[in-house]
Amino acid sequence: MKKKILVVDDTLHVLEEVRDILEMENFEVIAATNAIEGMLKLSKETPDLVITDLRMPGLTGFDLLGRVKSMDLDKEIPVIVLSANADKENIKKAISLKASHYLKKPCSADELIETVRTII
């Protein structure tokens, strides 16, 4: 059975690139263009992993991360933050909200796949 990954990013070319990379590695990808849409998709299905950007209109990636980690589920969903905003404060905040990993944009396809496979 394919592992399911929710990818949340408001930059369409990044969202499409990440989706393409993951689908080439035989993952099922659920795409969302913002954190609110991501939360709606989470209410309908439970992915094996969430990958989120931080800066998005409305709810931020931090908001999404906090909500994912507070959900009452049978299993904990790991979250990878994928953001160009990789300063110490953002990394520290993401880790405090229990992000599984923080990748700095742009990252290579190999780095993304290696990180995903390590986590799930």
C-alpha atoms as a PDB file:
ATOM      1  CA  MET A   1       0.000   0.000   0.000  1.00  0.00           C
ATOM      2  CA  LYS A   2       1.293   3.439  -0.940  1.00  0.00           C
ATOM      3  CA  LYS A   3       2.241   5.828   1.835  1.00  0.00           C
ATOM      4  CA  LYS A   4       0.126   8.985   1.738  1.00  0.00           C
ATOM      5  CA  ILE A   5       1.702  12.433   2.097  1.00  0.00           C
ATOM      6  CA  LEU A   6      -0.090  15.762   2.487  1.00  0.00           C
ATOM      7  CA  VAL A   7       1.939  18.592   0.926  1.00  0.00           C
ATOM      8  CA  VAL A   8       0.933  22.154   1.826  1.00  0.00           C
ATOM      9  CA  ASP A   9       2.509  25.097  -0.003  1.00  0.00           C
ATOM     10  CA  ASP A  10       1.005  28.265  -1.461  1.00  0.00           C
ATOM     11  CA  THR A  11       3.686  28.512  -4.171  1.00  0.00           C
ATOM     12  CA  LEU A  12       2.222  26.394  -6.961  1.00  0.00           C
ATOM     13  CA  HIS A  13       5.465  25.526  -8.745  1.00  0.00           C
ATOM     14  CA  VAL A  14       6.978  24.310  -5.455  1.00  0.00           C
ATOM     15  CA  LEU A  15       3.844  22.310  -4.658  1.00  0.00           C
ATOM     16  CA  GLU A  16       3.883  20.710  -8.113  1.00  0.00           C
ATOM     17  CA  GLU A  17       7.624  19.981  -7.959  1.00  0.00           C
ATOM     18  CA  VAL A  18       7.376  18.306  -4.541  1.00  0.00           C
ATOM     19  CA  ARG A  19       4.316  16.346  -5.695  1.00  0.00           C
ATOM     20  CA  ASP A  20       6.128  15.165  -8.843  1.00  0.00           C
ATOM     21  CA  ILE A  21       9.205  14.079  -6.875  1.00  0.00           C
ATOM     22  CA  LEU A  22       7.128  12.147  -4.350  1.00  0.00           C
ATOM     23  CA  GLU A  23       4.891  10.537  -6.964  1.00  0.00           C
ATOM     24  CA  MET A  24       7.980   9.361  -8.904  1.00  0.00           C
ATOM     25  CA  GLU A  25       8.976   7.579  -5.684  1.00  0.00           C
ATOM     26  CA  ASN A  26       5.546   5.899  -5.552  1.00  0.00           C
ATOM     27  CA  PHE A  27       4.003   7.975  -2.754  1.00  0.00           C
ATOM     28  CA  GLU A  28       0.370   9.065  -2.900  1.00  0.00           C
ATOM     29  CA  VAL A  29       0.256  12.865  -2.649  1.00  0.00           C
ATOM     30  CA  ILE A  30      -2.559  15.032  -1.371  1.00  0.00           C
ATOM     31  CA  ALA A  31      -1.909  18.665  -2.309  1.00  0.00           C
ATOM     32  CA  ALA A  32      -3.167  21.782  -0.549  1.00  0.00           C
ATOM     33  CA  THR A  33      -2.406  25.387  -1.484  1.00  0.00           C
ATOM     34  CA  ASN A  34      -2.743  26.767   2.057  1.00  0.00           C
ATOM     35  CA  ALA A  35      -3.003  25.647   5.671  1.00  0.00           C
ATOM     36  CA  ILE A  36      -6.805  25.998   5.807  1.00  0.00           C
ATOM     37  CA  GLU A  37      -7.184  23.693   2.800  1.00  0.00           C
ATOM     38  CA  GLY A  38      -4.646  21.360   4.413  1.00  0.00           C
ATOM     39  CA  MET A  39      -6.733  21.181   7.589  1.00  0.00           C
ATOM     40  CA  LEU A  40      -9.860  20.409   5.556  1.00  0.00           C
ATOM     41  CA  LYS A  41      -8.061  17.572   3.811  1.00  0.00           C
ATOM     42  CA  LEU A  42      -6.797  16.291   7.178  1.00  0.00           C
ATOM     43  CA  SER A  43     -10.398  16.149   8.411  1.00  0.00           C
ATOM     44  CA  LYS A  44     -11.231  13.725   5.580  1.00  0.00           C
ATOM     45  CA  GLU A  45      -8.193  11.449   5.562  1.00  0.00           C
ATOM     46  CA  THR A  46      -5.133  10.669   7.627  1.00  0.00           C
ATOM     47  CA  PRO A  47      -1.824  10.866   5.785  1.00  0.00           C
ATOM     48  CA  ASP A  48       1.349   9.122   6.872  1.00  0.00           C
ATOM     49  CA  LEU A  49       3.270  12.417   6.699  1.00  0.00           C
ATOM     50  CA  VAL A  50       2.672  16.153   6.273  1.00  0.00           C
ATOM     51  CA  ILE A  51       5.117  18.460   4.488  1.00  0.00           C
ATOM     52  CA  THR A  52       4.366  22.149   4.985  1.00  0.00           C
ATOM     53  CA  ASP A  53       5.704  25.555   4.107  1.00  0.00           C
ATOM     54  CA  LEU A  54       5.648  28.220   6.843  1.00  0.00           C
ATOM     55  CA  ARG A  55       4.611  31.460   5.168  1.00  0.00           C
ATOM     56  CA  MET A  56       1.118  31.176   3.753  1.00  0.00           C
ATOM     57  CA  PRO A  57      -1.913  33.449   3.737  1.00  0.00           C
ATOM     58  CA  GLY A  58      -4.402  32.934   6.571  1.00  0.00           C
ATOM     59  CA  LEU A  59      -3.073  30.174   8.771  1.00  0.00           C
ATOM     60  CA  THR A  60       0.692  29.698   8.728  1.00  0.00           C
ATOM     61  CA  GLY A  61       2.658  26.483   8.606  1.00  0.00           C
ATOM     62  CA  PHE A  62       3.238  26.902  12.334  1.00  0.00           C
ATOM     63  CA  ASP A  63      -0.546  26.986  12.856  1.00  0.00           C
ATOM     64  CA  LEU A  64      -0.934  23.849  10.767  1.00  0.00           C
ATOM     65  CA  LEU A  65       1.904  22.097  12.603  1.00  0.00           C
ATOM     66  CA  GLY A  66       0.345  22.909  15.975  1.00  0.00           C
ATOM     67  CA  ARG A  67      -3.051  21.638  14.866  1.00  0.00           C
ATOM     68  CA  VAL A  68      -1.665  18.421  13.396  1.00  0.00           C
ATOM     69  CA  LYS A  69       0.197  17.689  16.628  1.00  0.00           C
ATOM     70  CA  SER A  70      -2.896  18.395  18.749  1.00  0.00           C
ATOM     71  CA  MET A  71      -5.193  16.102  16.743  1.00  0.00           C
ATOM     72  CA  ASP A  72      -6.524  13.073  18.596  1.00  0.00           C
ATOM     73  CA  LEU A  73      -5.610  10.280  16.200  1.00  0.00           C
ATOM     74  CA  ASP A  74      -4.744   6.615  16.430  1.00  0.00           C
ATOM     75  CA  LYS A  75      -1.213   7.459  15.296  1.00  0.00           C
ATOM     76  CA  GLU A  76       0.915  10.588  15.413  1.00  0.00           C
ATOM     77  CA  ILE A  77       1.458  12.210  12.031  1.00  0.00           C
ATOM     78  CA  PRO A  78       5.048  13.347  11.473  1.00  0.00           C
ATOM     79  CA  VAL A  79       5.508  16.808   9.952  1.00  0.00           C
ATOM     80  CA  ILE A  80       8.383  18.079   7.828  1.00  0.00           C
ATOM     81  CA  VAL A  81       8.731  21.850   7.517  1.00  0.00           C
ATOM     82  CA  LEU A  82       9.984  22.835   4.059  1.00  0.00           C
ATOM     83  CA  SER A  83      10.739  26.551   4.087  1.00  0.00           C
ATOM     84  CA  ALA A  84      13.135  29.170   2.797  1.00  0.00           C
ATOM     85  CA  ASN A  85      12.816  30.825   6.225  1.00  0.00           C
ATOM     86  CA  ALA A  86      15.421  28.672   7.930  1.00  0.00           C
ATOM     87  CA  ASP A  87      16.649  31.104  10.544  1.00  0.00           C
ATOM     88  CA  LYS A  88      17.372  29.858  14.060  1.00  0.00           C
ATOM     89  CA  GLU A  89      14.108  31.229  15.481  1.00  0.00           C
ATOM     90  CA  ASN A  90      11.921  29.438  12.919  1.00  0.00           C
ATOM     91  CA  ILE A  91      13.793  26.169  13.309  1.00  0.00           C
ATOM     92  CA  LYS A  92      13.592  26.423  17.101  1.00  0.00           C
ATOM     93  CA  LYS A  93       9.854  27.178  16.967  1.00  0.00           C
ATOM     94  CA  ALA A  94       9.182  24.300  14.551  1.00  0.00           C
ATOM     95  CA  ILE A  95      11.085  21.876  16.774  1.00  0.00           C
ATOM     96  CA  SER A  96       9.222  23.140  19.858  1.00  0.00           C
ATOM     97  CA  LEU A  97       5.969  22.381  18.010  1.00  0.00           C
ATOM     98  CA  LYS A  98       7.310  18.843  17.411  1.00  0.00           C
ATOM     99  CA  ALA A  99       8.227  19.047  13.745  1.00  0.00           C
ATOM    100  CA  SER A 100      10.034  15.880  12.737  1.00  0.00           C
ATOM    101  CA  HIS A 101      12.463  17.684  10.451  1.00  0.00           C
ATOM    102  CA  TYR A 102      13.194  21.101   8.925  1.00  0.00           C
ATOM    103  CA  LEU A 103      14.337  21.316   5.298  1.00  0.00           C
ATOM    104  CA  LYS A 104      15.538  24.571   3.792  1.00  0.00           C
ATOM    105  CA  LYS A 105      14.218  25.549   0.363  1.00  0.00           C
ATOM    106  CA  PRO A 106      15.458  24.896  -2.136  1.00  0.00           C
ATOM    107  CA  CYS A 107      16.401  21.338  -1.298  1.00  0.00           C
ATOM    108  CA  SER A 108      17.411  18.636  -3.721  1.00  0.00           C
ATOM    109  CA  ALA A 109      15.082  15.832  -4.723  1.00  0.00           C
ATOM    110  CA  ASP A 110      17.528  13.384  -3.140  1.00  0.00           C
ATOM    111  CA  GLU A 111      17.503  15.266   0.171  1.00  0.00           C
ATOM    112  CA  LEU A 112      13.701  15.397   0.183  1.00  0.00           C
ATOM    113  CA  ILE A 113      13.309  11.692  -0.590  1.00  0.00           C
ATOM    114  CA  GLU A 114      15.982  10.652   1.914  1.00  0.00           C
ATOM    115  CA  THR A 115      14.291  12.700   4.647  1.00  0.00           C
ATOM    116  CA  VAL A 116      10.825  11.358   3.818  1.00  0.00           C
ATOM    117  CA  ARG A 117      12.034   7.750   3.749  1.00  0.00           C
ATOM    118  CA  THR A 118      13.839   8.209   7.070  1.00  0.00           C
ATOM    119  CA  ILE A 119      10.692   9.517   8.737  1.00  0.00           C
ATOM    120  CA  ILE A 120       8.146   7.118   7.243  1.00  0.00           C
END
